[in-house]
């Protein structure tokens, strides 16, 4: 089978690798679409994602959709459309969610050794509990957004809800856009989005946020928002939203900061008794994400801006690195050109 394989910094190509065969408790998926996310970009551009360095041939990708190719148990018929929960949960600890359990793994991650290979290949072998059958009418391209939408939903879970809240989404990249959609789905009364670039803001406006604000030129209202979903992972962005947050408001830090110390201005948050809460991946929110996408398939249109065949995967990564020009970039493994 063909796969996009990363060997190191800017060293990657489409290669032929062995097609896996499912055993008991496993399912083989014929991959249709794979989204490129920030961690994938780091693995390609830097040969590492934070402290996780590519040390062996590595297939990226954890946002995907596809169809069942083989299921030895007979639970899923061949051709069943699916998406995949990318986590294999580790050692049980009832103090917190499964996604934080030690010794777990995540598709397309170099955090484990051997690395946990990802989905940017024609076929993907997964454990049966990772499979999520899609509802009728949800197309495979839209379903590839289930994983990143679940990330946004989990940020709201960490914040203990968004119902009737005024929500500010910091950053209008793909995760920010889907976090805004998540806030709307969870009953927010207002959803605003920010960015520094016109392209992401135009996509936020097309998604239907109440206001899309260029924070390079315009100011946010002070003491206004109940909840901020910070999706950039940039310290300056976190520092910039503090005046807009109301007293005792909540910030869910969805975007991942780079490794090492960060210049965070804590005093403005402390003086408001604001709560800064970390959000990491998700637990079971992918099931809700599938429901949201099935109910609102139109939200995919402003989010997915490019769909590039596997043969041109390098080009897809270059496009995804240009946040002005692109939202979510999908790699197409269906064999169909644009």
C-alpha atoms as a PDB file:
ATOM      1  CA  UNK A   1       0.000   0.000   0.000  1.00  0.00           C
ATOM      2  CA  UNK A   2       1.054   3.608  -0.469  1.00  0.00           C
ATOM      3  CA  UNK A   3       1.754   5.860   2.516  1.00  0.00           C
ATOM      4  CA  UNK A   4       3.253   9.275   3.190  1.00  0.00           C
ATOM      5  CA  UNK A   5       6.336   8.522   5.294  1.00  0.00           C
ATOM      6  CA  UNK A   6       8.364  11.090   7.244  1.00  0.00           C
ATOM      7  CA  UNK A   7      12.033  10.270   7.893  1.00  0.00           C
ATOM      8  CA  UNK A   8      13.101  13.580   9.396  1.00  0.00           C
ATOM      9  CA  UNK A   9      12.950  17.342   8.927  1.00  0.00           C
ATOM     10  CA  UNK A  10      11.540  18.069   5.438  1.00  0.00           C
ATOM     11  CA  UNK A  11      12.456  14.502   4.514  1.00  0.00           C
ATOM     12  CA  UNK A  12       9.283  12.703   3.463  1.00  0.00           C
ATOM     13  CA  UNK A  13       7.796  10.974   0.455  1.00  0.00           C
ATOM     14  CA  UNK A  14       5.042   8.647  -0.697  1.00  0.00           C
ATOM     15  CA  UNK A  15       6.321   5.077  -0.371  1.00  0.00           C
ATOM     16  CA  UNK A  16       5.104   1.525  -0.726  1.00  0.00           C
ATOM     17  CA  UNK A  17       4.872  -0.215   2.653  1.00  0.00           C
ATOM     18  CA  UNK A  18       3.376  -3.502   3.776  1.00  0.00           C
ATOM     19  CA  UNK A  19      -0.412  -3.684   4.027  1.00  0.00           C
ATOM     20  CA  UNK A  20      -1.391  -4.851   7.526  1.00  0.00           C
ATOM     21  CA  UNK A  21      -3.749  -7.738   8.211  1.00  0.00           C
ATOM     22  CA  UNK A  22      -6.304  -7.608  11.016  1.00  0.00           C
ATOM     23  CA  UNK A  23      -6.294 -10.136  13.834  1.00  0.00           C
ATOM     24  CA  UNK A  24      -8.936 -10.799  16.456  1.00  0.00           C
ATOM     25  CA  UNK A  25     -10.063  -7.520  18.019  1.00  0.00           C
ATOM     26  CA  UNK A  26      -8.756  -5.478  15.083  1.00  0.00           C
ATOM     27  CA  UNK A  27     -10.339  -3.846  12.036  1.00  0.00           C
ATOM     28  CA  UNK A  28      -8.728  -2.833   8.745  1.00  0.00           C
ATOM     29  CA  UNK A  29      -9.897   0.517   7.393  1.00  0.00           C
ATOM     30  CA  UNK A  30      -9.606   1.695   3.811  1.00  0.00           C
ATOM     31  CA  UNK A  31      -8.674   5.324   4.410  1.00  0.00           C
ATOM     32  CA  UNK A  32     -10.534   8.004   2.441  1.00  0.00           C
ATOM     33  CA  UNK A  33      -9.442  11.377   3.837  1.00  0.00           C
ATOM     34  CA  UNK A  34      -6.844  12.501   6.381  1.00  0.00           C
ATOM     35  CA  UNK A  35      -6.666  16.005   7.805  1.00  0.00           C
ATOM     36  CA  UNK A  36      -3.335  17.738   8.382  1.00  0.00           C
ATOM     37  CA  UNK A  37      -3.094  19.263  11.855  1.00  0.00           C
ATOM     38  CA  UNK A  38      -0.466  21.293  13.698  1.00  0.00           C
ATOM     39  CA  UNK A  39       1.379  18.287  15.086  1.00  0.00           C
ATOM     40  CA  UNK A  40       1.641  16.784  11.592  1.00  0.00           C
ATOM     41  CA  UNK A  41       3.119  20.038  10.322  1.00  0.00           C
ATOM     42  CA  UNK A  42       5.725  20.011  13.089  1.00  0.00           C
ATOM     43  CA  UNK A  43       6.720  16.429  12.341  1.00  0.00           C
ATOM     44  CA  UNK A  44       7.154  17.328   8.664  1.00  0.00           C
ATOM     45  CA  UNK A  45       8.767  20.763   8.982  1.00  0.00           C
ATOM     46  CA  UNK A  46      10.872  20.142  12.101  1.00  0.00           C
ATOM     47  CA  UNK A  47      11.247  16.393  12.336  1.00  0.00           C
ATOM     48  CA  UNK A  48       9.719  16.659  15.799  1.00  0.00           C
ATOM     49  CA  UNK A  49       6.630  17.808  17.645  1.00  0.00           C
ATOM     50  CA  UNK A  50       7.930  19.464  20.797  1.00  0.00           C
ATOM     51  CA  UNK A  51      10.000  16.832  22.583  1.00  0.00           C
ATOM     52  CA  UNK A  52       8.733  14.009  20.364  1.00  0.00           C
ATOM     53  CA  UNK A  53      11.395  13.410  17.717  1.00  0.00           C
ATOM     54  CA  UNK A  54      10.951  11.243  14.625  1.00  0.00           C
ATOM     55  CA  UNK A  55      13.405   8.383  15.144  1.00  0.00           C
ATOM     56  CA  UNK A  56      12.092   5.844  12.639  1.00  0.00           C
ATOM     57  CA  UNK A  57      10.062   5.977   9.394  1.00  0.00           C
ATOM     58  CA  UNK A  58       6.840   7.576  10.504  1.00  0.00           C
ATOM     59  CA  UNK A  59       3.365   7.884   8.961  1.00  0.00           C
ATOM     60  CA  UNK A  60       1.514  10.969  10.313  1.00  0.00           C
ATOM     61  CA  UNK A  61      -2.201  11.663  10.635  1.00  0.00           C
ATOM     62  CA  UNK A  62      -4.955  11.134  13.200  1.00  0.00           C
ATOM     63  CA  UNK A  63      -7.932  12.961  11.676  1.00  0.00           C
ATOM     64  CA  UNK A  64      -9.529  10.550   9.250  1.00  0.00           C
ATOM     65  CA  UNK A  65     -12.497   8.917   7.620  1.00  0.00           C
ATOM     66  CA  UNK A  66     -12.769   5.772   5.562  1.00  0.00           C
ATOM     67  CA  UNK A  67     -14.618   2.522   5.015  1.00  0.00           C
ATOM     68  CA  UNK A  68     -14.282  -0.922   6.525  1.00  0.00           C
ATOM     69  CA  UNK A  69     -11.960  -3.125   4.460  1.00  0.00           C
ATOM     70  CA  UNK A  70     -11.978  -6.167   6.734  1.00  0.00           C
ATOM     71  CA  UNK A  71     -13.413  -7.046  10.140  1.00  0.00           C
ATOM     72  CA  UNK A  72     -12.690 -10.606  11.300  1.00  0.00           C
ATOM     73  CA  UNK A  73     -15.433 -10.365  13.954  1.00  0.00           C
ATOM     74  CA  UNK A  74     -18.126  -9.601  11.396  1.00  0.00           C
ATOM     75  CA  UNK A  75     -19.392  -6.635  13.408  1.00  0.00           C
ATOM     76  CA  UNK A  76     -18.876  -4.218  10.527  1.00  0.00           C
ATOM     77  CA  UNK A  77     -19.740  -5.065   6.951  1.00  0.00           C
ATOM     78  CA  UNK A  78     -17.183  -4.322   4.276  1.00  0.00           C
ATOM     79  CA  UNK A  79     -17.713  -0.808   2.955  1.00  0.00           C
ATOM     80  CA  UNK A  80     -19.250   0.595   6.162  1.00  0.00           C
ATOM     81  CA  UNK A  81     -18.327   4.311   6.372  1.00  0.00           C
ATOM     82  CA  UNK A  82     -16.441   5.146   9.573  1.00  0.00           C
ATOM     83  CA  UNK A  83     -14.257   7.562  11.420  1.00  0.00           C
ATOM     84  CA  UNK A  84     -11.765   6.551  14.078  1.00  0.00           C
ATOM     85  CA  UNK A  85     -11.134   7.591  17.665  1.00  0.00           C
ATOM     86  CA  UNK A  86      -7.337   7.887  17.476  1.00  0.00           C
ATOM     87  CA  UNK A  87      -6.573   6.931  21.098  1.00  0.00           C
ATOM     88  CA  UNK A  88      -5.668   3.603  22.612  1.00  0.00           C
ATOM     89  CA  UNK A  89      -6.204   4.298  26.287  1.00  0.00           C
ATOM     90  CA  UNK A  90      -3.606   3.182  28.782  1.00  0.00           C
ATOM     91  CA  UNK A  91      -3.531   2.131  32.429  1.00  0.00           C
ATOM     92  CA  UNK A  92      -6.832   2.945  34.144  1.00  0.00           C
ATOM     93  CA  UNK A  93      -6.838   5.787  36.664  1.00  0.00           C
ATOM     94  CA  UNK A  94     -10.274   6.880  37.844  1.00  0.00           C
ATOM     95  CA  UNK A  95      -9.017  10.291  38.963  1.00  0.00           C
ATOM     96  CA  UNK A  96      -9.263  11.674  35.429  1.00  0.00           C
ATOM     97  CA  UNK A  97     -10.383  11.017  31.874  1.00  0.00           C
ATOM     98  CA  UNK A  98      -9.117   8.100  29.807  1.00  0.00           C
ATOM     99  CA  UNK A  99      -7.174  10.360  27.452  1.00  0.00           C
ATOM    100  CA  UNK A 100      -4.835  11.233  30.362  1.00  0.00           C
ATOM    101  CA  UNK A 101      -4.158   7.660  31.452  1.00  0.00           C
ATOM    102  CA  UNK A 102      -0.499   6.668  31.416  1.00  0.00           C
ATOM    103  CA  UNK A 103       0.865   4.248  28.819  1.00  0.00           C
ATOM    104  CA  UNK A 104      -1.739   5.139  26.201  1.00  0.00           C
ATOM    105  CA  UNK A 105      -1.045   5.966  22.564  1.00  0.00           C
ATOM    106  CA  UNK A 106      -2.412   8.170  19.794  1.00  0.00           C
ATOM    107  CA  UNK A 107      -2.409   7.639  16.063  1.00  0.00           C
ATOM    108  CA  UNK A 108       0.354   9.492  14.257  1.00  0.00           C
ATOM    109  CA  UNK A 109       2.460  10.233  17.335  1.00  0.00           C
ATOM    110  CA  UNK A 110       6.201   9.913  17.917  1.00  0.00           C
ATOM    111  CA  UNK A 111       5.637  10.147  21.686  1.00  0.00           C
ATOM    112  CA  UNK A 112       5.781   6.343  21.889  1.00  0.00           C
ATOM    113  CA  UNK A 113       8.508   3.883  20.993  1.00  0.00           C
ATOM    114  CA  UNK A 114       8.075   2.327  18.573  1.00  0.00           C
ATOM    115  CA  UNK A 115       6.147   5.272  17.168  1.00  0.00           C
ATOM    116  CA  UNK A 116       2.387   4.954  16.811  1.00  0.00           C
ATOM    117  CA  UNK A 117       1.932   5.041  13.059  1.00  0.00           C
ATOM    118  CA  UNK A 118      -0.787   7.297  11.683  1.00  0.00           C
ATOM    119  CA  UNK A 119      -3.483   7.274   9.048  1.00  0.00           C
ATOM    120  CA  UNK A 120      -1.865   8.840   5.968  1.00  0.00           C
ATOM    121  CA  UNK A 121      -1.803   5.499   4.176  1.00  0.00           C
ATOM    122  CA  UNK A 122      -4.204   3.589   1.974  1.00  0.00           C
ATOM    123  CA  UNK A 123      -5.068   1.195   4.802  1.00  0.00           C
ATOM    124  CA  UNK A 124      -5.018   1.579   8.568  1.00  0.00           C
ATOM    125  CA  UNK A 125      -5.146  -1.143  11.206  1.00  0.00           C
ATOM    126  CA  UNK A 126      -7.012  -0.146  14.376  1.00  0.00           C
ATOM    127  CA  UNK A 127      -8.451  -1.823  17.450  1.00  0.00           C
ATOM    128  CA  UNK A 128     -12.168  -2.489  17.135  1.00  0.00           C
ATOM    129  CA  UNK A 129     -13.123  -0.137  19.990  1.00  0.00           C
ATOM    130  CA  UNK A 130     -11.665   2.792  18.038  1.00  0.00           C
ATOM    131  CA  UNK A 131     -14.181   2.445  15.196  1.00  0.00           C
ATOM    132  CA  UNK A 132     -17.148   4.813  14.931  1.00  0.00           C
ATOM    133  CA  UNK A 133     -19.719   3.982  12.234  1.00  0.00           C
ATOM    134  CA  UNK A 134     -21.098   7.095  10.552  1.00  0.00           C
ATOM    135  CA  UNK A 135     -24.789   7.989  10.459  1.00  0.00           C
ATOM    136  CA  UNK A 136     -26.515   7.847   7.108  1.00  0.00           C
ATOM    137  CA  UNK A 137     -25.987  10.982   5.067  1.00  0.00           C
ATOM    138  CA  UNK A 138     -22.698  12.093   6.661  1.00  0.00           C
ATOM    139  CA  UNK A 139     -20.168  12.132   3.827  1.00  0.00           C
ATOM    140  CA  UNK A 140     -16.590  10.958   4.329  1.00  0.00           C
ATOM    141  CA  UNK A 141     -14.996  14.320   3.611  1.00  0.00           C
ATOM    142  CA  UNK A 142     -17.026  16.057   6.336  1.00  0.00           C
ATOM    143  CA  UNK A 143     -16.502  13.128   8.724  1.00  0.00           C
ATOM    144  CA  UNK A 144     -12.741  13.754   8.644  1.00  0.00           C
ATOM    145  CA  UNK A 145     -13.480  16.792  10.850  1.00  0.00           C
ATOM    146  CA  UNK A 146     -14.795  14.660  13.723  1.00  0.00           C
ATOM    147  CA  UNK A 147     -11.470  14.471  15.554  1.00  0.00           C
ATOM    148  CA  UNK A 148     -10.620  18.205  15.514  1.00  0.00           C
ATOM    149  CA  UNK A 149     -14.230  19.103  16.334  1.00  0.00           C
ATOM    150  CA  UNK A 150     -13.976  16.784  19.342  1.00  0.00           C
ATOM    151  CA  UNK A 151     -10.949  18.804  20.480  1.00  0.00           C
ATOM    152  CA  UNK A 152     -13.068  21.968  20.497  1.00  0.00           C
ATOM    153  CA  UNK A 153     -15.913  20.226  22.307  1.00  0.00           C
ATOM    154  CA  UNK A 154     -13.486  18.947  24.933  1.00  0.00           C
ATOM    155  CA  UNK A 155     -12.243  22.490  25.569  1.00  0.00           C
ATOM    156  CA  UNK A 156     -15.830  23.446  26.400  1.00  0.00           C
ATOM    157  CA  UNK A 157     -16.160  20.357  28.597  1.00  0.00           C
ATOM    158  CA  UNK A 158     -13.085  21.470  30.521  1.00  0.00           C
ATOM    159  CA  UNK A 159     -14.676  24.921  30.909  1.00  0.00           C
ATOM    160  CA  UNK A 160     -17.820  23.213  32.272  1.00  0.00           C
ATOM    161  CA  UNK A 161     -20.054  24.263  29.440  1.00  0.00           C
ATOM    162  CA  UNK A 162     -20.939  27.160  27.150  1.00  0.00           C
ATOM    163  CA  UNK A 163     -24.727  27.293  27.422  1.00  0.00           C
ATOM    164  CA  UNK A 164     -25.959  30.914  27.329  1.00  0.00           C
ATOM    165  CA  UNK A 165     -22.341  32.084  27.572  1.00  0.00           C
ATOM    166  CA  UNK A 166     -20.586  34.805  25.626  1.00  0.00           C
ATOM    167  CA  UNK A 167     -17.683  32.924  24.072  1.00  0.00           C
ATOM    168  CA  UNK A 168     -14.517  34.288  22.518  1.00  0.00           C
ATOM    169  CA  UNK A 169     -12.462  31.978  20.298  1.00  0.00           C
ATOM    170  CA  UNK A 170      -8.851  33.129  20.071  1.00  0.00           C
ATOM    171  CA  UNK A 171      -7.457  32.098  16.694  1.00  0.00           C
ATOM    172  CA  UNK A 172      -9.472  31.232  13.588  1.00  0.00           C
ATOM    173  CA  UNK A 173      -7.393  28.393  12.224  1.00  0.00           C
ATOM    174  CA  UNK A 174      -9.084  25.002  11.748  1.00  0.00           C
ATOM    175  CA  UNK A 175      -9.214  24.218  15.475  1.00  0.00           C
ATOM    176  CA  UNK A 176     -10.509  27.701  16.246  1.00  0.00           C
ATOM    177  CA  UNK A 177     -13.197  27.438  13.592  1.00  0.00           C
ATOM    178  CA  UNK A 178     -14.347  24.081  14.917  1.00  0.00           C
ATOM    179  CA  UNK A 179     -14.184  25.340  18.505  1.00  0.00           C
ATOM    180  CA  UNK A 180     -16.524  28.141  17.448  1.00  0.00           C
ATOM    181  CA  UNK A 181     -18.863  25.579  15.900  1.00  0.00           C
ATOM    182  CA  UNK A 182     -18.635  23.548  19.107  1.00  0.00           C
ATOM    183  CA  UNK A 183     -19.564  26.571  21.215  1.00  0.00           C
ATOM    184  CA  UNK A 184     -22.591  27.217  19.064  1.00  0.00           C
ATOM    185  CA  UNK A 185     -23.598  23.549  19.283  1.00  0.00           C
ATOM    186  CA  UNK A 186     -23.259  23.682  23.073  1.00  0.00           C
ATOM    187  CA  UNK A 187     -25.679  26.620  23.309  1.00  0.00           C
ATOM    188  CA  UNK A 188     -23.497  29.727  23.522  1.00  0.00           C
ATOM    189  CA  UNK A 189     -25.452  32.971  23.324  1.00  0.00           C
ATOM    190  CA  UNK A 190     -22.672  34.734  21.381  1.00  0.00           C
ATOM    191  CA  UNK A 191     -19.563  33.473  19.636  1.00  0.00           C
ATOM    192  CA  UNK A 192     -16.810  35.847  18.572  1.00  0.00           C
ATOM    193  CA  UNK A 193     -13.585  34.867  16.815  1.00  0.00           C
ATOM    194  CA  UNK A 194     -10.240  36.608  16.502  1.00  0.00           C
ATOM    195  CA  UNK A 195      -7.155  36.390  14.329  1.00  0.00           C
ATOM    196  CA  UNK A 196      -4.405  38.541  12.852  1.00  0.00           C
ATOM    197  CA  UNK A 197      -5.026  37.507   9.245  1.00  0.00           C
ATOM    198  CA  UNK A 198      -7.839  38.241   6.820  1.00  0.00           C
ATOM    199  CA  UNK A 199      -8.116  34.692   5.459  1.00  0.00           C
ATOM    200  CA  UNK A 200      -8.925  32.956   8.753  1.00  0.00           C
ATOM    201  CA  UNK A 201     -11.293  35.778   9.728  1.00  0.00           C
ATOM    202  CA  UNK A 202     -13.179  35.468   6.442  1.00  0.00           C
ATOM    203  CA  UNK A 203     -13.645  31.762   7.137  1.00  0.00           C
ATOM    204  CA  UNK A 204     -14.886  32.520  10.660  1.00  0.00           C
ATOM    205  CA  UNK A 205     -17.403  34.967   9.219  1.00  0.00           C
ATOM    206  CA  UNK A 206     -18.544  32.369   6.676  1.00  0.00           C
ATOM    207  CA  UNK A 207     -18.999  29.913   9.535  1.00  0.00           C
ATOM    208  CA  UNK A 208     -21.462  32.334  11.088  1.00  0.00           C
ATOM    209  CA  UNK A 209     -19.757  33.742  14.186  1.00  0.00           C
ATOM    210  CA  UNK A 210     -21.352  36.877  15.622  1.00  0.00           C
ATOM    211  CA  UNK A 211     -18.172  38.925  15.182  1.00  0.00           C
ATOM    212  CA  UNK A 212     -14.820  38.214  13.517  1.00  0.00           C
ATOM    213  CA  UNK A 213     -12.249  40.617  14.969  1.00  0.00           C
ATOM    214  CA  UNK A 214      -8.782  41.400  13.642  1.00  0.00           C
ATOM    215  CA  UNK A 215      -6.923  42.005  16.905  1.00  0.00           C
ATOM    216  CA  UNK A 216      -4.054  43.639  15.012  1.00  0.00           C
ATOM    217  CA  UNK A 217      -6.274  46.595  14.223  1.00  0.00           C
ATOM    218  CA  UNK A 218      -9.406  46.401  16.404  1.00  0.00           C
ATOM    219  CA  UNK A 219     -10.005  46.136  20.132  1.00  0.00           C
ATOM    220  CA  UNK A 220     -12.213  43.687  21.949  1.00  0.00           C
ATOM    221  CA  UNK A 221     -14.776  44.909  24.502  1.00  0.00           C
ATOM    222  CA  UNK A 222     -13.512  44.843  28.064  1.00  0.00           C
ATOM    223  CA  UNK A 223     -14.894  42.514  30.744  1.00  0.00           C
ATOM    224  CA  UNK A 224     -17.342  41.004  28.242  1.00  0.00           C
ATOM    225  CA  UNK A 225     -16.760  37.292  27.687  1.00  0.00           C
ATOM    226  CA  UNK A 226     -17.686  34.491  30.051  1.00  0.00           C
ATOM    227  CA  UNK A 227     -15.463  31.966  28.336  1.00  0.00           C
ATOM    228  CA  UNK A 228     -12.399  32.137  26.117  1.00  0.00           C
ATOM    229  CA  UNK A 229     -11.275  29.174  24.025  1.00  0.00           C
ATOM    230  CA  UNK A 230      -7.638  29.982  23.308  1.00  0.00           C
ATOM    231  CA  UNK A 231      -6.730  27.988  20.208  1.00  0.00           C
ATOM    232  CA  UNK A 232      -3.448  29.472  18.998  1.00  0.00           C
ATOM    233  CA  UNK A 233      -0.964  28.236  21.584  1.00  0.00           C
ATOM    234  CA  UNK A 234       0.768  31.637  21.308  1.00  0.00           C
ATOM    235  CA  UNK A 235       1.569  33.416  24.602  1.00  0.00           C
ATOM    236  CA  UNK A 236       0.846  36.857  23.147  1.00  0.00           C
ATOM    237  CA  UNK A 237      -2.666  35.713  22.232  1.00  0.00           C
ATOM    238  CA  UNK A 238      -3.356  34.485  25.758  1.00  0.00           C
ATOM    239  CA  UNK A 239      -2.012  37.733  27.187  1.00  0.00           C
ATOM    240  CA  UNK A 240      -4.154  39.771  24.811  1.00  0.00           C
ATOM    241  CA  UNK A 241      -7.488  38.250  25.786  1.00  0.00           C
ATOM    242  CA  UNK A 242      -7.257  38.957  29.525  1.00  0.00           C
ATOM    243  CA  UNK A 243      -8.884  42.433  29.341  1.00  0.00           C
ATOM    244  CA  UNK A 244     -11.843  41.027  27.379  1.00  0.00           C
ATOM    245  CA  UNK A 245     -12.602  38.299  29.921  1.00  0.00           C
ATOM    246  CA  UNK A 246     -15.109  39.134  32.635  1.00  0.00           C
ATOM    247  CA  UNK A 247     -14.240  38.744  36.293  1.00  0.00           C
ATOM    248  CA  UNK A 248     -14.263  35.090  37.391  1.00  0.00           C
ATOM    249  CA  UNK A 249     -14.389  34.039  33.745  1.00  0.00           C
ATOM    250  CA  UNK A 250     -12.776  30.893  32.357  1.00  0.00           C
ATOM    251  CA  UNK A 251     -10.038  30.407  29.796  1.00  0.00           C
ATOM    252  CA  UNK A 252      -9.714  26.936  28.279  1.00  0.00           C
ATOM    253  CA  UNK A 253      -6.249  26.626  26.748  1.00  0.00           C
ATOM    254  CA  UNK A 254      -6.927  24.430  23.719  1.00  0.00           C
ATOM    255  CA  UNK A 255      -3.898  25.377  21.614  1.00  0.00           C
ATOM    256  CA  UNK A 256      -0.678  23.641  22.652  1.00  0.00           C
ATOM    257  CA  UNK A 257       2.207  25.884  23.703  1.00  0.00           C
ATOM    258  CA  UNK A 258       5.737  25.045  22.522  1.00  0.00           C
ATOM    259  CA  UNK A 259       7.955  23.125  24.921  1.00  0.00           C
ATOM    260  CA  UNK A 260       9.791  25.142  27.577  1.00  0.00           C
ATOM    261  CA  UNK A 261       8.995  28.262  29.632  1.00  0.00           C
ATOM    262  CA  UNK A 262       6.531  30.746  28.133  1.00  0.00           C
ATOM    263  CA  UNK A 263       6.139  34.515  28.777  1.00  0.00           C
ATOM    264  CA  UNK A 264       2.637  34.506  30.251  1.00  0.00           C
ATOM    265  CA  UNK A 265       1.283  37.650  31.961  1.00  0.00           C
ATOM    266  CA  UNK A 266      -0.579  36.126  34.895  1.00  0.00           C
ATOM    267  CA  UNK A 267      -1.387  39.283  36.869  1.00  0.00           C
ATOM    268  CA  UNK A 268      -4.350  40.391  34.683  1.00  0.00           C
ATOM    269  CA  UNK A 269      -5.927  36.958  35.047  1.00  0.00           C
ATOM    270  CA  UNK A 270      -5.245  36.723  38.764  1.00  0.00           C
ATOM    271  CA  UNK A 271      -6.708  40.142  39.472  1.00  0.00           C
ATOM    272  CA  UNK A 272      -9.975  38.958  37.912  1.00  0.00           C
ATOM    273  CA  UNK A 273      -9.878  35.597  39.685  1.00  0.00           C
ATOM    274  CA  UNK A 274     -10.039  34.090  36.221  1.00  0.00           C
ATOM    275  CA  UNK A 275      -9.549  30.368  35.817  1.00  0.00           C
ATOM    276  CA  UNK A 276      -7.005  29.114  33.298  1.00  0.00           C
ATOM    277  CA  UNK A 277      -7.679  25.474  32.466  1.00  0.00           C
ATOM    278  CA  UNK A 278      -5.656  23.212  30.207  1.00  0.00           C
ATOM    279  CA  UNK A 279      -7.433  21.107  27.590  1.00  0.00           C
ATOM    280  CA  UNK A 280      -5.624  18.171  25.984  1.00  0.00           C
ATOM    281  CA  UNK A 281      -7.080  16.120  23.125  1.00  0.00           C
ATOM    282  CA  UNK A 282     -10.420  14.617  24.256  1.00  0.00           C
ATOM    283  CA  UNK A 283     -12.087  11.644  25.918  1.00  0.00           C
ATOM    284  CA  UNK A 284     -15.397  10.598  24.321  1.00  0.00           C
ATOM    285  CA  UNK A 285     -16.423  13.869  22.642  1.00  0.00           C
ATOM    286  CA  UNK A 286     -15.858  12.389  19.183  1.00  0.00           C
ATOM    287  CA  UNK A 287     -19.288  10.760  19.438  1.00  0.00           C
ATOM    288  CA  UNK A 288     -20.900  14.160  19.966  1.00  0.00           C
ATOM    289  CA  UNK A 289     -18.750  15.579  17.164  1.00  0.00           C
ATOM    290  CA  UNK A 290     -20.195  13.029  14.738  1.00  0.00           C
ATOM    291  CA  UNK A 291     -23.706  14.032  15.788  1.00  0.00           C
ATOM    292  CA  UNK A 292     -22.924  17.735  15.304  1.00  0.00           C
ATOM    293  CA  UNK A 293     -21.466  17.134  11.840  1.00  0.00           C
ATOM    294  CA  UNK A 294     -24.461  15.028  10.828  1.00  0.00           C
ATOM    295  CA  UNK A 295     -26.835  17.749  11.989  1.00  0.00           C
ATOM    296  CA  UNK A 296     -24.813  20.625  10.504  1.00  0.00           C
ATOM    297  CA  UNK A 297     -22.834  19.320   7.506  1.00  0.00           C
ATOM    298  CA  UNK A 298     -22.697  22.846   6.096  1.00  0.00           C
ATOM    299  CA  UNK A 299     -20.101  23.853   8.692  1.00  0.00           C
ATOM    300  CA  UNK A 300     -17.504  21.851   6.742  1.00  0.00           C
ATOM    301  CA  UNK A 301     -17.610  24.196   3.736  1.00  0.00           C
ATOM    302  CA  UNK A 302     -15.758  27.170   5.266  1.00  0.00           C
ATOM    303  CA  UNK A 303     -13.423  24.919   7.277  1.00  0.00           C
ATOM    304  CA  UNK A 304     -12.160  22.568   4.536  1.00  0.00           C
ATOM    305  CA  UNK A 305     -10.374  24.709   1.960  1.00  0.00           C
ATOM    306  CA  UNK A 306      -8.190  22.174   0.116  1.00  0.00           C
ATOM    307  CA  UNK A 307      -8.335  18.489  -0.755  1.00  0.00           C
ATOM    308  CA  UNK A 308      -5.083  17.157  -2.258  1.00  0.00           C
ATOM    309  CA  UNK A 309      -4.385  13.638  -3.578  1.00  0.00           C
ATOM    310  CA  UNK A 310      -1.899  11.467  -1.668  1.00  0.00           C
ATOM    311  CA  UNK A 311       0.558  11.623  -4.573  1.00  0.00           C
ATOM    312  CA  UNK A 312       0.900  15.358  -3.874  1.00  0.00           C
ATOM    313  CA  UNK A 313       1.104  15.075  -0.084  1.00  0.00           C
ATOM    314  CA  UNK A 314       4.170  17.322   0.135  1.00  0.00           C
ATOM    315  CA  UNK A 315       2.193  20.034  -1.620  1.00  0.00           C
ATOM    316  CA  UNK A 316      -0.642  19.498   0.871  1.00  0.00           C
ATOM    317  CA  UNK A 317       1.743  20.123   3.765  1.00  0.00           C
ATOM    318  CA  UNK A 318       3.040  23.295   2.128  1.00  0.00           C
ATOM    319  CA  UNK A 319      -0.515  24.564   1.658  1.00  0.00           C
ATOM    320  CA  UNK A 320      -1.444  23.698   5.251  1.00  0.00           C
ATOM    321  CA  UNK A 321       1.528  25.727   6.481  1.00  0.00           C
ATOM    322  CA  UNK A 322       0.036  28.898   4.943  1.00  0.00           C
ATOM    323  CA  UNK A 323      -2.675  29.901   7.412  1.00  0.00           C
ATOM    324  CA  UNK A 324      -3.691  32.924   5.344  1.00  0.00           C
ATOM    325  CA  UNK A 325      -4.573  30.777   2.350  1.00  0.00           C
ATOM    326  CA  UNK A 326      -5.800  27.585   3.969  1.00  0.00           C
ATOM    327  CA  UNK A 327      -8.137  26.276   6.620  1.00  0.00           C
ATOM    328  CA  UNK A 328      -8.280  22.517   7.012  1.00  0.00           C
ATOM    329  CA  UNK A 329      -6.304  20.697   4.333  1.00  0.00           C
ATOM    330  CA  UNK A 330      -7.292  17.096   3.614  1.00  0.00           C
ATOM    331  CA  UNK A 331      -5.147  14.466   1.934  1.00  0.00           C
ATOM    332  CA  UNK A 332      -7.369  12.453  -0.420  1.00  0.00           C
ATOM    333  CA  UNK A 333      -6.727   8.695  -0.557  1.00  0.00           C
ATOM    334  CA  UNK A 334      -9.824   7.787  -2.552  1.00  0.00           C
ATOM    335  CA  UNK A 335      -7.876   7.854  -5.801  1.00  0.00           C
ATOM    336  CA  UNK A 336      -9.922  10.772  -7.086  1.00  0.00           C
ATOM    337  CA  UNK A 337      -8.318  14.005  -8.252  1.00  0.00           C
ATOM    338  CA  UNK A 338      -9.709  17.402  -7.191  1.00  0.00           C
END
